Amino acid sequence: MTQSIQPLSEAVVNLIAAGEVIDSLGAVVRELAENALDAGATHVSIAVWPERWSLRVADNGSGMSHTDLRRAAAPHSTSKIHASEDLWNIRSLGFRGEALHSLAQLADLEIGSRLAGSTEGWWVRYDCQGNPVLETTVAIAPGTVVTVSHLFGNWLPRREGLPPMTQQLRAIQQVVYHLALGHPQVTWVVQQGDRPWFSLWASQTARQILPQILRDVQPGDLVEVELGVGLRADGSGEDASTPHPPRSTFLIGLPDRCHRRRPDWVKVAVNGRVVQLPELEQTILGAFRRTLPRDRHPVCFLHLHLPPEQIDWNRHPAKAEIYLKELDRLQAQVQEVIAHALSLHAHSLSDAAHSQRLGQVLRAAESGGGYRLGRLDEPNQPIGEESREESSEEASVPAFPPSSAPTPLRAIAQVHNMYILAEHPAGIWLIEQHIAHERVLYEELCDRWTVVPLDPPALLPNLATAQVEQLVRIGLTVEPFGEALWAIRTAPAPLAQREDCTEALLELSLGGDLETALVATACRTAIRNGTPLTLPELQTLLDRWQQTRNPRTCPHGRPICLSLQESSLSRFFRRHWVIGKSHGI
């Protein structure tokens, strides 16, 4: 039966509100760690006792006075906002004034704190309303220690409805990871019970933090660049009250060096907090299309520092979702920054993660056969084994158009008719010729996809309806030509004069869209490994490859180039050694 409307009791209201703010052990860690960061902490220590549903967070921040400690767990108590207009000028991680009061509602809460300039600290225990019930002086280092015991002890159904403890521990780990990336100047030490769990050591930027989190990622796999965001709507710039405002940064994993099975490390943070911004996340994923292997995803951390008036944090109790102004402008800048980072610049020569791979390639070359050496003014003559074919098709030397752009790379050899050995002012590079040419052709096809008439037309038998639709979708003219036979009267320009045009058209009919057709066409028409090239042809290919938008990987996501810096060569050959009076070291 329908019951009359009546107000809820204060106890029920408080429990509902507390359950929205604190919904797990991870939420407790997040709220207390954010308070520590707001207090200016540079060292945060966290201990978790899962079997007891208890944890402790200690920091070396500014601490609290005895007076502030007494009212810290009262409802809606905070030092971070005071009036309604402050909601549009949020400069801290926490501001709602609900976390400590919610913890008092759901657990046994104790806080010890000492101001940096004080000679004594205070320890306070609170009741379920957030009122102090026990206060005592205590010897404690400057900072704050918060102890939460028996979480959800008065709300057992919440415990039973939570994920398994192993999953909750992973959530705690993720909370710390996110905060560490947003605040790299802080050291984090985390224990499970009385045993060390993991630690993250303070660094200058997130570029040194991420390799501590993802063990298979090295600093040399990452590029950190600044974004020109942070302007106010009127273009006046950052708040003048901040003499050195933090700059928005973008940490990008180079696609030829690191990627993930899931898009779980495409992170966006705003003013120190990782948030969910699907629009920006999709922009990042889209910018990496055709630079990564199939079903692989980039590693990126975008940290935006924006004026408070551009952000509305009042969308989610945990501030995980926000409203953000000028998203279109941010998306355009993100795309531009990614394009710049993926091009070839000085940071491309960082080879810490690739020295071992390059050594393996060179050792294989030593055992496998000959090298092709020569001067720019002489034709190359093959030495050693006969040229090898990558496929059953006859290899042909492509006709490269002349290149007008000067380049710091100089082709000096072709290794195994497969790799281009190039000299750079800062080292040597090894480039695979087939996929470098594939990247060149793919981007040219993206810019100029043209079809030309076929005379006579190509005849394809037994095409399914989906195959016919795919050929039409990519712009080809397809007509019935008798029973179970179709005449293809136009073809992509690069395929029209090839002897294997019919086979290529059949391959294109099996694709899913124009993008697939572009990749397949580029792959089929690119120079084959095993094809001998002269030094001028090698140089022209290098020049064209360097001018592509995404030169690091082929459209399938394979890495194109290995780089070895001269400094690494110097270390390997011990040129820093001083041996007697030897010369030429």
Protein backbone atom coordinates (compact mmCIF):
# COMPACT_ATOMS: atom_id res chain seq x y z
CA MET A 1 0.00 0.00 0.00
CA THR A 2 1.08 3.57 -0.64
CA GLN A 3 2.35 5.15 2.55
CA SER A 4 2.25 8.79 3.48
CA ILE A 5 5.26 11.01 2.93
CA GLN A 6 7.22 11.67 6.08
CA PRO A 7 10.65 13.06 6.89
CA LEU A 8 13.50 10.66 7.56
CA SER A 9 15.13 10.57 10.93
CA GLU A 10 18.43 12.35 11.35
CA ALA A 11 20.23 9.02 11.89
CA VAL A 12 18.98 7.62 8.56
CA VAL A 13 19.79 10.84 6.74
CA ASN A 14 23.32 10.87 8.13
CA LEU A 15 23.86 7.20 7.24
CA ILE A 16 22.69 7.70 3.65
CA ALA A 17 24.88 10.76 3.20
CA ALA A 18 27.87 9.00 4.73
CA GLY A 19 27.38 5.95 2.49
CA GLU A 20 27.48 8.16 -0.61
CA VAL A 21 30.82 9.70 0.35
CA ILE A 22 32.48 6.59 1.83
CA ASP A 23 31.59 3.50 -0.18
CA SER A 24 34.75 1.39 0.22
CA LEU A 25 38.22 1.19 1.76
CA GLY A 26 39.54 2.89 -1.39
CA ALA A 27 37.24 5.85 -0.79
CA VAL A 28 38.66 6.23 2.72
CA VAL A 29 42.21 6.27 1.39
CA ARG A 30 41.26 8.77 -1.30
CA GLU A 31 39.59 11.22 1.08
CA LEU A 32 42.33 11.09 3.72
CA ALA A 33 45.17 11.23 1.21
CA GLU A 34 43.59 14.26 -0.49
CA ASN A 35 43.38 15.98 2.88
CA ALA A 36 47.09 15.26 3.39
CA LEU A 37 47.94 16.78 0.02
CA ASP A 38 45.83 19.85 0.76
CA ALA A 39 47.88 20.22 3.96
CA GLY A 40 51.06 20.42 1.89
CA ALA A 41 52.40 16.96 2.74
CA THR A 42 55.48 15.69 0.90
CA HIS A 43 55.42 12.24 2.53
CA VAL A 44 52.29 10.14 3.00
CA SER A 45 52.32 6.77 4.76
CA ILE A 46 49.33 4.42 4.46
CA ALA A 47 48.75 1.17 6.34
CA VAL A 48 45.78 -1.12 5.64
CA TRP A 49 44.52 -4.02 7.76
CA PRO A 50 41.94 -5.63 5.43
CA GLU A 51 40.83 -8.37 7.81
CA ARG A 52 39.99 -5.72 10.43
CA TRP A 53 38.51 -3.23 7.97
CA SER A 54 40.91 -0.67 9.36
CA LEU A 55 43.55 1.68 8.00
CA ARG A 56 45.83 4.54 8.98
CA VAL A 57 47.02 7.52 6.94
CA ALA A 58 49.91 9.64 8.27
CA ASP A 59 51.42 12.72 6.64
CA ASN A 60 53.98 15.44 7.29
CA GLY A 61 51.67 18.28 6.31
CA SER A 62 50.86 21.49 8.18
CA GLY A 63 48.82 19.72 10.87
CA MET A 64 45.85 21.04 12.87
CA SER A 65 45.48 22.99 16.08
CA HIS A 66 43.63 21.58 19.07
CA THR A 67 40.65 23.81 18.26
CA ASP A 68 40.47 22.61 14.66
CA LEU A 69 40.83 18.99 15.75
CA ARG A 70 37.79 19.29 18.02
CA ARG A 71 35.53 20.31 15.14
CA ALA A 72 37.22 18.44 12.26
CA ALA A 73 34.61 15.63 12.21
CA ALA A 74 31.56 17.85 12.68
CA PRO A 75 29.08 17.80 9.74
CA HIS A 76 29.90 20.08 6.82
CA SER A 77 33.02 21.47 8.49
CA THR A 78 35.90 22.59 6.27
CA SER A 79 38.63 25.20 6.09
CA LYS A 80 38.57 25.30 2.30
CA ILE A 81 35.37 27.16 1.45
CA HIS A 82 33.24 29.63 3.39
CA ALA A 83 30.62 31.12 1.06
CA SER A 84 28.67 30.06 -2.03
CA GLU A 85 30.92 32.02 -4.37
CA ASP A 86 33.85 29.88 -3.19
CA LEU A 87 32.31 26.94 -5.05
CA TRP A 88 33.54 28.58 -8.28
CA ASN A 89 37.01 29.15 -6.93
CA ILE A 90 38.01 25.66 -5.79
CA ARG A 91 41.78 25.33 -5.43
CA SER A 92 41.97 22.27 -3.19
CA LEU A 93 41.24 18.57 -3.58
CA GLY A 94 38.74 18.45 -0.72
CA PHE A 95 36.13 21.07 0.07
CA ARG A 96 32.79 19.46 0.90
CA GLY A 97 33.48 19.03 4.62
CA GLU A 98 31.82 15.60 4.65
CA ALA A 99 34.60 13.00 4.63
CA LEU A 100 35.63 12.98 8.31
CA HIS A 101 32.05 13.27 9.52
CA SER A 102 31.05 10.38 7.25
CA LEU A 103 33.90 8.29 8.65
CA ALA A 104 32.70 9.03 12.17
CA GLN A 105 29.26 7.75 11.13
CA LEU A 106 30.60 4.52 9.61
CA ALA A 107 33.68 3.63 11.69
CA ASP A 108 35.69 4.34 14.81
CA LEU A 109 37.60 7.54 14.03
CA GLU A 110 40.68 8.91 15.79
CA ILE A 111 42.92 11.78 14.67
CA GLY A 112 46.26 12.92 16.03
CA SER A 113 47.85 16.13 14.79
CA ARG A 114 50.50 18.69 15.57
CA LEU A 115 51.06 22.10 13.99
CA ALA A 116 54.50 22.62 12.50
CA GLY A 117 55.33 25.41 14.96
CA SER A 118 53.74 23.83 18.04
CA THR A 119 55.55 22.02 20.84
CA GLU A 120 52.78 19.50 21.50
CA GLY A 121 50.28 17.46 19.56
CA TRP A 122 46.74 16.33 20.35
CA TRP A 123 44.94 13.03 19.91
CA VAL A 124 41.13 13.04 19.62
CA ARG A 125 38.61 10.20 19.45
CA TYR A 126 35.14 10.96 18.03
CA ASP A 127 31.66 9.50 18.50
CA CYS A 128 29.31 8.63 15.66
CA GLN A 129 28.15 12.26 15.43
CA GLY A 130 31.69 13.58 15.01
CA ASN A 131 31.90 14.99 18.53
CA PRO A 132 35.12 14.57 20.55
CA VAL A 133 34.78 11.99 23.33
CA LEU A 134 38.43 11.68 24.32
CA GLU A 135 41.20 14.27 24.03
CA THR A 136 44.78 13.95 25.15
CA THR A 137 48.16 15.45 24.44
CA VAL A 138 50.58 13.23 22.58
CA ALA A 139 54.17 13.24 21.36
CA ILE A 140 53.85 13.29 17.60
CA ALA A 141 55.85 14.63 14.66
CA PRO A 142 54.43 17.67 12.84
CA GLY A 143 51.60 16.55 10.60
CA THR A 144 48.49 14.43 10.97
CA VAL A 145 47.67 10.77 11.63
CA VAL A 146 44.13 9.51 10.96
CA THR A 147 43.10 6.04 12.15
CA VAL A 148 39.88 4.43 10.88
CA SER A 149 38.82 1.15 12.53
CA HIS A 150 35.97 -1.32 11.94
CA LEU A 151 34.68 0.39 8.79
CA PHE A 152 30.99 -0.39 8.13
CA GLY A 153 30.82 -2.19 11.48
CA ASN A 154 27.37 -0.65 11.99
CA TRP A 155 26.34 -1.31 8.37
CA LEU A 156 27.23 -4.94 7.68
CA PRO A 157 25.13 -5.23 4.48
CA ARG A 158 27.47 -2.67 2.91
CA ARG A 159 30.46 -4.89 3.69
CA GLU A 160 28.72 -7.92 2.22
CA GLY A 161 27.87 -6.05 -0.97
CA LEU A 162 31.40 -4.85 -1.67
CA PRO A 163 33.74 -6.62 -4.12
CA PRO A 164 36.24 -9.21 -2.85
CA MET A 165 39.03 -7.79 -0.70
CA THR A 166 41.66 -8.43 -3.37
CA GLN A 167 39.71 -6.17 -5.71
CA GLN A 168 39.38 -3.51 -3.02
CA LEU A 169 43.13 -3.60 -2.43
CA ARG A 170 43.70 -3.06 -6.14
CA ALA A 171 41.36 -0.08 -5.92
CA ILE A 172 43.48 1.37 -3.08
CA GLN A 173 46.58 0.86 -5.20
CA GLN A 174 44.92 2.68 -8.09
CA VAL A 175 43.94 5.60 -5.84
CA VAL A 176 47.55 6.04 -4.74
CA TYR A 177 48.82 5.72 -8.32
CA HIS A 178 46.47 8.45 -9.50
CA LEU A 179 47.39 10.82 -6.69
CA ALA A 180 51.10 10.16 -7.18
CA LEU A 181 50.90 11.05 -10.87
CA GLY A 182 49.06 14.26 -10.07
CA HIS A 183 51.48 15.15 -7.26
CA PRO A 184 54.90 13.77 -8.25
CA GLN A 185 56.68 15.78 -5.53
CA VAL A 186 55.20 13.48 -2.85
CA THR A 187 56.65 10.19 -1.56
CA TRP A 188 54.14 7.40 -0.87
CA VAL A 189 54.82 4.43 1.40
CA VAL A 190 52.04 1.83 1.62
CA GLN A 191 51.84 -1.16 3.95
CA GLN A 192 49.46 -4.10 4.13
CA GLY A 193 49.28 -4.80 7.81
CA ASP A 194 52.79 -4.51 9.18
CA ARG A 195 54.47 -5.57 5.92
CA PRO A 196 55.63 -3.25 3.13
CA TRP A 197 53.34 -3.31 0.12
CA PHE A 198 54.67 -0.74 -2.37
CA SER A 199 56.36 2.65 -2.46
CA LEU A 200 56.51 5.53 -4.94
CA TRP A 201 59.38 7.95 -4.56
CA ALA A 202 59.06 11.67 -5.16
CA SER A 203 60.31 13.08 -8.47
CA GLN A 204 60.21 16.28 -10.45
CA THR A 205 57.51 15.18 -12.91
CA ALA A 206 55.14 12.32 -13.65
CA ARG A 207 57.68 11.03 -16.19
CA GLN A 208 59.66 9.54 -13.31
CA ILE A 209 56.54 8.31 -11.46
CA LEU A 210 54.89 6.25 -14.22
CA PRO A 211 57.84 3.82 -14.64
CA GLN A 212 57.55 3.08 -10.91
CA ILE A 213 53.94 2.07 -11.52
CA LEU A 214 54.25 0.25 -14.87
CA ARG A 215 57.40 -1.80 -14.48
CA ASP A 216 57.75 -2.55 -18.21
CA VAL A 217 57.81 1.18 -19.06
CA GLN A 218 61.10 3.10 -18.95
CA PRO A 219 61.51 6.91 -18.79
CA GLY A 220 62.98 6.77 -22.31
CA ASP A 221 59.66 5.34 -23.56
CA LEU A 222 57.86 8.53 -22.53
CA VAL A 223 57.70 12.09 -23.77
CA GLU A 224 56.42 14.86 -21.49
CA VAL A 225 55.31 18.07 -23.18
CA GLU A 226 53.55 21.23 -22.05
CA LEU A 227 50.16 22.33 -23.33
CA GLY A 228 49.22 25.93 -23.90
CA VAL A 229 46.03 25.64 -21.87
CA GLY A 230 45.06 27.41 -18.70
CA LEU A 231 43.88 30.67 -20.26
CA ARG A 232 40.75 32.30 -19.02
CA ALA A 233 37.81 32.73 -21.31
CA ASP A 234 38.88 36.30 -22.05
CA GLY A 235 42.45 35.17 -22.85
CA SER A 236 43.90 37.04 -19.89
CA GLY A 237 45.98 34.10 -18.65
CA GLU A 238 46.42 32.45 -15.28
CA ASP A 239 45.47 34.00 -11.97
CA ALA A 240 47.90 36.82 -11.21
CA SER A 241 47.84 35.84 -7.53
CA THR A 242 49.86 32.73 -8.42
CA PRO A 243 53.40 33.88 -9.30
CA HIS A 244 54.41 30.59 -10.96
CA PRO A 245 51.22 28.73 -11.90
CA PRO A 246 51.65 25.03 -12.73
CA ARG A 247 51.62 24.24 -16.42
CA SER A 248 49.40 21.67 -18.07
CA THR A 249 51.47 18.67 -19.13
CA PHE A 250 50.95 15.65 -21.32
CA LEU A 251 52.89 12.44 -20.66
CA ILE A 252 52.82 10.34 -23.83
CA GLY A 253 54.05 6.78 -24.26
CA LEU A 254 55.77 6.51 -27.63
CA PRO A 255 53.75 3.97 -29.66
CA ASP A 256 56.83 2.09 -30.89
CA ARG A 257 57.93 1.52 -27.30
CA CYS A 258 54.96 0.93 -25.00
CA HIS A 259 51.27 0.13 -25.25
CA ARG A 260 48.60 -1.79 -23.34
CA ARG A 261 46.07 -4.54 -23.95
CA ARG A 262 43.32 -2.35 -22.49
CA PRO A 263 42.76 1.42 -22.54
CA ASP A 264 43.32 1.44 -18.77
CA TRP A 265 46.24 3.88 -18.85
CA VAL A 266 44.67 6.72 -20.78
CA LYS A 267 44.31 9.02 -17.78
CA VAL A 268 43.11 12.62 -17.54
CA ALA A 269 43.68 14.72 -14.42
CA VAL A 270 42.43 18.22 -13.67
CA ASN A 271 44.22 20.31 -11.04
CA GLY A 272 45.75 17.31 -9.29
CA ARG A 273 42.83 14.85 -9.45
CA VAL A 274 42.27 12.09 -12.01
CA VAL A 275 38.76 12.46 -13.41
CA GLN A 276 36.54 10.85 -16.02
CA LEU A 277 36.42 12.95 -19.17
CA PRO A 278 35.28 10.57 -21.94
CA GLU A 279 35.48 13.30 -24.60
CA LEU A 280 39.19 13.88 -24.02
CA GLU A 281 39.91 10.18 -23.55
CA GLN A 282 38.34 9.39 -26.93
CA THR A 283 40.30 12.23 -28.52
CA ILE A 284 43.52 10.67 -27.25
CA LEU A 285 42.58 7.19 -28.43
CA GLY A 286 41.59 8.54 -31.84
CA ALA A 287 44.90 10.37 -32.24
CA PHE A 288 46.77 7.07 -31.89
CA ARG A 289 44.83 5.28 -34.60
CA ARG A 290 47.06 3.40 -37.01
CA THR A 291 50.12 3.95 -34.83
CA LEU A 292 49.62 0.92 -32.55
CA PRO A 293 49.24 -2.81 -33.15
CA ARG A 294 45.75 -4.19 -33.44
CA ASP A 295 43.82 -4.26 -30.15
CA ARG A 296 46.55 -2.30 -28.35
CA HIS A 297 46.06 1.03 -26.62
CA PRO A 298 48.34 3.95 -25.72
CA VAL A 299 49.87 4.91 -22.38
CA CYS A 300 49.05 8.57 -21.68
CA PHE A 301 48.62 10.89 -18.71
CA LEU A 302 47.13 14.29 -19.47
CA HIS A 303 47.29 16.71 -16.52
CA LEU A 304 45.33 19.91 -17.05
CA HIS A 305 45.84 22.91 -14.78
CA LEU A 306 42.83 25.14 -15.37
CA PRO A 307 41.45 28.28 -13.74
CA PRO A 308 38.79 27.38 -11.14
CA GLU A 309 36.01 29.17 -13.02
CA GLN A 310 36.36 26.73 -15.92
CA ILE A 311 35.53 23.72 -13.70
CA ASP A 312 32.36 22.63 -11.90
CA TRP A 313 33.31 19.98 -9.36
CA ASN A 314 29.76 19.60 -8.01
CA ARG A 315 28.76 16.70 -10.23
CA HIS A 316 29.84 13.64 -8.24
CA PRO A 317 30.39 13.08 -4.47
CA ALA A 318 33.92 11.78 -5.14
CA LYS A 319 34.61 14.53 -7.69
CA ALA A 320 35.43 11.79 -10.23
CA GLU A 321 33.17 13.40 -12.83
CA ILE A 322 33.16 17.12 -13.56
CA TYR A 323 31.72 19.71 -15.89
CA LEU A 324 34.41 21.40 -17.95
CA LYS A 325 34.18 24.48 -20.15
CA GLU A 326 35.84 24.87 -23.57
CA LEU A 327 36.18 21.16 -24.26
CA ASP A 328 36.44 21.74 -28.01
CA ARG A 329 39.52 23.93 -27.52
CA LEU A 330 41.12 21.36 -25.25
CA GLN A 331 40.45 18.53 -27.70
CA ALA A 332 42.08 20.47 -30.54
CA GLN A 333 45.16 21.20 -28.44
CA VAL A 334 45.47 17.58 -27.36
CA GLN A 335 45.40 16.40 -30.97
CA GLU A 336 48.04 18.95 -31.93
CA VAL A 337 50.33 18.00 -29.04
CA ILE A 338 50.09 14.28 -29.82
CA ALA A 339 50.90 14.90 -33.47
CA HIS A 340 53.97 16.91 -32.47
CA ALA A 341 55.13 14.34 -29.90
CA LEU A 342 54.89 11.45 -32.35
CA SER A 343 57.06 13.17 -34.94
CA LEU A 344 60.84 12.77 -34.98
CA HIS A 345 62.62 15.21 -32.67
CA ALA A 346 65.63 15.17 -30.40
CA HIS A 347 63.84 13.00 -27.85
CA SER A 348 63.57 10.32 -30.52
CA LEU A 349 67.19 9.44 -29.88
CA SER A 350 66.58 8.27 -26.32
CA ASP A 351 67.43 4.58 -26.61
CA ALA A 352 67.57 3.30 -23.04
CA ALA A 353 64.83 0.79 -23.75
CA HIS A 354 66.18 -0.27 -27.14
CA SER A 355 69.92 -0.79 -26.78
CA GLN A 356 69.46 -4.49 -26.06
CA ARG A 357 67.06 -4.94 -28.98
CA LEU A 358 69.43 -3.16 -31.35
CA GLY A 359 72.30 -5.37 -30.21
CA GLN A 360 70.24 -8.47 -30.93
CA VAL A 361 69.42 -7.23 -34.42
CA LEU A 362 73.05 -6.47 -35.21
CA ARG A 363 74.23 -9.83 -33.88
CA ALA A 364 71.67 -11.54 -36.09
CA ALA A 365 72.95 -9.53 -39.03
CA GLU A 366 76.54 -10.58 -38.31
CA SER A 367 75.64 -14.25 -38.39
CA GLY A 368 73.23 -14.06 -41.28
CA GLY A 369 75.02 -12.58 -44.23
CA GLY A 370 76.40 -9.60 -46.04
CA TYR A 371 76.14 -5.85 -45.89
CA ARG A 372 75.77 -3.36 -48.72
CA LEU A 373 78.19 -0.49 -48.41
CA GLY A 374 79.03 2.36 -50.71
CA ARG A 375 79.39 6.08 -51.30
CA LEU A 376 76.71 8.47 -52.41
CA ASP A 377 78.52 9.00 -55.73
CA GLU A 378 78.90 5.26 -56.49
CA PRO A 379 76.32 2.58 -57.26
CA ASN A 380 75.87 0.00 -54.55
CA GLN A 381 77.08 -3.52 -55.28
CA PRO A 382 75.73 -6.44 -53.26
CA ILE A 383 78.18 -8.42 -51.15
CA GLY A 384 77.48 -11.84 -49.67
CA GLU A 385 74.21 -13.70 -49.95
CA GLU A 386 71.69 -13.29 -52.73
CA SER A 387 68.76 -10.95 -52.04
CA ARG A 388 65.96 -12.57 -50.09
CA GLU A 389 62.28 -12.24 -50.87
CA GLU A 390 59.70 -11.44 -48.20
CA SER A 391 56.94 -13.00 -50.28
CA SER A 392 56.52 -15.18 -53.34
CA GLU A 393 56.03 -12.11 -55.52
CA GLU A 394 58.91 -10.83 -57.60
CA ALA A 395 60.52 -7.88 -55.86
CA SER A 396 60.70 -4.62 -57.76
CA VAL A 397 62.58 -1.41 -57.02
CA PRO A 398 60.07 1.42 -56.45
CA ALA A 399 60.39 4.65 -58.36
CA PHE A 400 60.85 7.21 -55.57
CA PRO A 401 60.14 10.83 -56.48
CA PRO A 402 62.95 13.27 -55.63
CA SER A 403 62.93 14.70 -52.12
CA SER A 404 63.44 18.42 -51.61
CA ALA A 405 63.63 18.53 -47.79
CA PRO A 406 67.07 18.43 -46.18
CA THR A 407 67.47 15.81 -43.47
CA PRO A 408 69.97 15.13 -40.68
CA LEU A 409 69.78 11.41 -41.50
CA ARG A 410 72.32 10.07 -44.03
CA ALA A 411 71.93 6.60 -45.47
CA ILE A 412 75.23 4.75 -45.23
CA ALA A 413 74.34 1.09 -45.84
CA GLN A 414 71.63 -1.44 -46.55
CA VAL A 415 71.75 -4.44 -44.21
CA HIS A 416 70.46 -7.75 -45.60
CA ASN A 417 68.48 -5.85 -48.26
CA MET A 418 66.04 -5.18 -45.42
CA TYR A 419 67.30 -2.46 -43.07
CA ILE A 420 68.61 1.01 -43.75
CA LEU A 421 71.60 1.93 -41.61
CA ALA A 422 71.57 5.72 -41.24
CA GLU A 423 73.95 8.19 -39.63
CA HIS A 424 72.47 10.91 -37.42
CA PRO A 425 74.47 13.78 -35.87
CA ALA A 426 73.79 12.23 -32.45
CA GLY A 427 74.04 8.51 -33.25
CA ILE A 428 72.98 5.80 -35.68
CA TRP A 429 69.51 4.62 -36.65
CA LEU A 430 68.29 1.33 -38.10
CA ILE A 431 65.11 1.57 -40.18
CA GLU A 432 63.17 -1.29 -41.77
CA GLN A 433 62.62 -0.30 -45.38
CA HIS A 434 59.28 -2.05 -46.02
CA ILE A 435 57.33 -0.60 -43.11
CA ALA A 436 58.96 2.83 -43.49
CA HIS A 437 57.74 2.92 -47.09
CA GLU A 438 54.37 1.55 -45.95
CA ARG A 439 53.98 4.51 -43.55
CA VAL A 440 54.85 6.92 -46.38
CA LEU A 441 52.33 5.39 -48.79
CA TYR A 442 49.59 5.11 -46.18
CA GLU A 443 49.71 8.81 -45.33
CA GLU A 444 49.82 9.74 -49.01
CA LEU A 445 46.75 7.59 -49.62
CA CYS A 446 44.98 9.21 -46.65
CA ASP A 447 45.60 12.60 -48.28
CA ARG A 448 44.89 11.53 -51.87
CA TRP A 449 42.75 8.42 -52.32
CA THR A 450 41.98 8.28 -56.03
CA VAL A 451 40.51 5.62 -58.28
CA VAL A 452 41.23 5.25 -61.98
CA PRO A 453 39.53 3.29 -64.82
CA LEU A 454 40.58 -0.29 -65.50
CA ASP A 455 40.80 -1.32 -69.15
CA PRO A 456 40.01 -4.14 -69.39
CA PRO A 457 38.02 -4.43 -66.15
CA ALA A 458 39.03 -6.94 -63.48
CA LEU A 459 36.65 -9.89 -63.14
CA LEU A 460 35.96 -11.31 -59.69
CA PRO A 461 33.85 -14.45 -59.24
CA ASN A 462 31.55 -15.49 -56.40
CA LEU A 463 31.56 -12.23 -54.44
CA ALA A 464 29.32 -12.13 -51.39
CA THR A 465 26.95 -9.20 -50.96
CA ALA A 466 29.15 -7.77 -48.20
CA GLN A 467 32.19 -7.89 -50.51
CA VAL A 468 30.38 -5.99 -53.26
CA GLU A 469 29.19 -3.40 -50.72
CA GLN A 470 32.75 -2.96 -49.43
CA LEU A 471 34.14 -2.30 -52.92
CA VAL A 472 31.40 0.26 -53.55
CA ARG A 473 32.03 1.80 -50.13
CA ILE A 474 35.65 2.55 -51.01
CA GLY A 475 34.63 4.25 -54.27
CA LEU A 476 35.03 1.51 -56.90
CA THR A 477 32.63 0.85 -59.77
CA VAL A 478 31.22 -2.69 -59.59
CA GLU A 479 28.81 -4.21 -62.16
CA PRO A 480 27.32 -7.70 -62.61
CA PHE A 481 29.02 -9.55 -65.47
CA GLY A 482 27.19 -12.78 -65.96
CA GLU A 483 26.30 -15.46 -63.44
CA ALA A 484 28.27 -15.16 -60.15
CA LEU A 485 30.74 -12.77 -61.83
CA TRP A 486 31.39 -9.08 -61.24
CA ALA A 487 33.30 -6.58 -63.35
CA ILE A 488 35.43 -4.09 -61.38
CA ARG A 489 35.81 -1.10 -63.73
CA THR A 490 37.87 1.19 -61.46
CA ALA A 491 40.68 0.56 -59.00
CA PRO A 492 42.86 2.55 -56.55
CA ALA A 493 45.55 4.31 -58.56
CA PRO A 494 48.52 2.50 -56.91
CA LEU A 495 47.02 -0.90 -57.81
CA ALA A 496 45.77 -0.26 -61.32
CA GLN A 497 49.01 -1.10 -63.17
CA ARG A 498 50.10 -3.99 -60.95
CA GLU A 499 50.07 -7.55 -62.23
CA ASP A 500 48.39 -8.64 -59.01
CA CYS A 501 45.61 -6.06 -59.30
CA THR A 502 42.86 -8.72 -59.31
CA GLU A 503 44.22 -10.35 -56.16
CA ALA A 504 44.53 -6.93 -54.51
CA LEU A 505 40.90 -6.06 -55.33
CA LEU A 506 39.77 -9.36 -53.85
CA GLU A 507 41.70 -8.52 -50.68
CA LEU A 508 40.09 -5.07 -50.51
CA SER A 509 36.62 -6.63 -50.80
CA LEU A 510 37.25 -8.53 -47.55
CA GLY A 511 37.96 -5.38 -45.54
CA GLY A 512 35.52 -3.47 -43.38
CA ASP A 513 35.87 0.16 -44.40
CA LEU A 514 37.98 2.69 -46.29
CA GLU A 515 40.56 2.79 -43.50
CA THR A 516 41.22 -0.93 -43.95
CA ALA A 517 41.53 -0.45 -47.70
CA LEU A 518 44.11 2.32 -47.22
CA VAL A 519 46.26 0.10 -45.03
CA ALA A 520 45.98 -2.93 -47.31
CA THR A 521 46.87 -0.86 -50.38
CA ALA A 522 49.88 0.72 -48.69
CA CYS A 523 51.13 -2.65 -47.45
CA ARG A 524 50.80 -4.32 -50.87
CA THR A 525 52.49 -1.52 -52.81
CA ALA A 526 55.32 -0.81 -50.37
CA ILE A 527 58.81 -2.00 -51.26
CA ARG A 528 59.41 -5.58 -50.17
CA ASN A 529 62.12 -6.60 -47.77
CA GLY A 530 64.79 -8.35 -49.78
CA THR A 531 64.78 -5.67 -52.47
CA PRO A 532 68.22 -4.14 -53.14
CA LEU A 533 68.32 -0.34 -53.24
CA THR A 534 71.04 2.11 -54.15
CA LEU A 535 72.21 4.69 -51.65
CA PRO A 536 70.32 7.52 -53.41
CA GLU A 537 67.13 5.42 -53.24
CA LEU A 538 67.73 4.69 -49.57
CA GLN A 539 68.28 8.38 -48.89
CA THR A 540 65.11 9.37 -50.71
CA LEU A 541 63.09 6.84 -48.73
CA LEU A 542 64.56 8.21 -45.47
CA ASP A 543 63.68 11.77 -46.46
CA ARG A 544 60.10 10.88 -47.31
CA TRP A 545 59.67 8.80 -44.17
CA GLN A 546 60.84 11.60 -41.88
CA GLN A 547 58.25 13.93 -43.38
CA THR A 548 55.32 11.70 -42.39
CA ARG A 549 53.02 12.68 -39.57
CA ASN A 550 53.49 9.48 -37.54
CA PRO A 551 56.93 8.11 -38.42
CA ARG A 552 57.36 5.89 -35.38
CA THR A 553 55.19 2.96 -36.45
CA CYS A 554 53.63 1.51 -39.57
CA PRO A 555 49.82 1.53 -39.96
CA HIS A 556 49.75 -1.91 -38.31
CA GLY A 557 51.60 -0.55 -35.27
CA ARG A 558 55.00 -2.16 -35.90
CA PRO A 559 58.00 -0.03 -34.81
CA ILE A 560 59.94 1.34 -37.79
CA CYS A 561 63.18 2.55 -36.25
CA LEU A 562 65.74 1.66 -33.61
CA SER A 563 68.07 4.45 -32.48
CA LEU A 564 71.42 4.23 -30.77
CA GLN A 565 72.95 7.40 -29.38
CA GLU A 566 76.62 8.19 -29.78
CA SER A 567 76.83 8.40 -25.98
CA SER A 568 75.77 4.74 -25.79
CA LEU A 569 78.43 3.80 -28.32
CA SER A 570 80.96 5.69 -26.22
CA ARG A 571 79.97 3.76 -23.10
CA PHE A 572 80.06 0.42 -24.90
CA PHE A 573 83.55 0.99 -26.34
CA ARG A 574 84.79 2.43 -23.01
CA ARG A 575 85.96 5.67 -24.59
CA HIS A 576 85.84 7.27 -21.13
CA TRP A 577 88.69 5.02 -20.03
CA VAL A 578 92.21 6.49 -19.81
CA ILE A 579 94.80 3.78 -20.44
CA GLY A 580 98.43 4.88 -20.11
CA LYS A 581 99.48 7.24 -22.85
CA SER A 582 97.31 5.72 -25.57
CA HIS A 583 96.09 8.04 -28.28
CA GLY A 584 92.77 8.16 -30.08
CA ILE A 585 90.63 7.26 -27.06
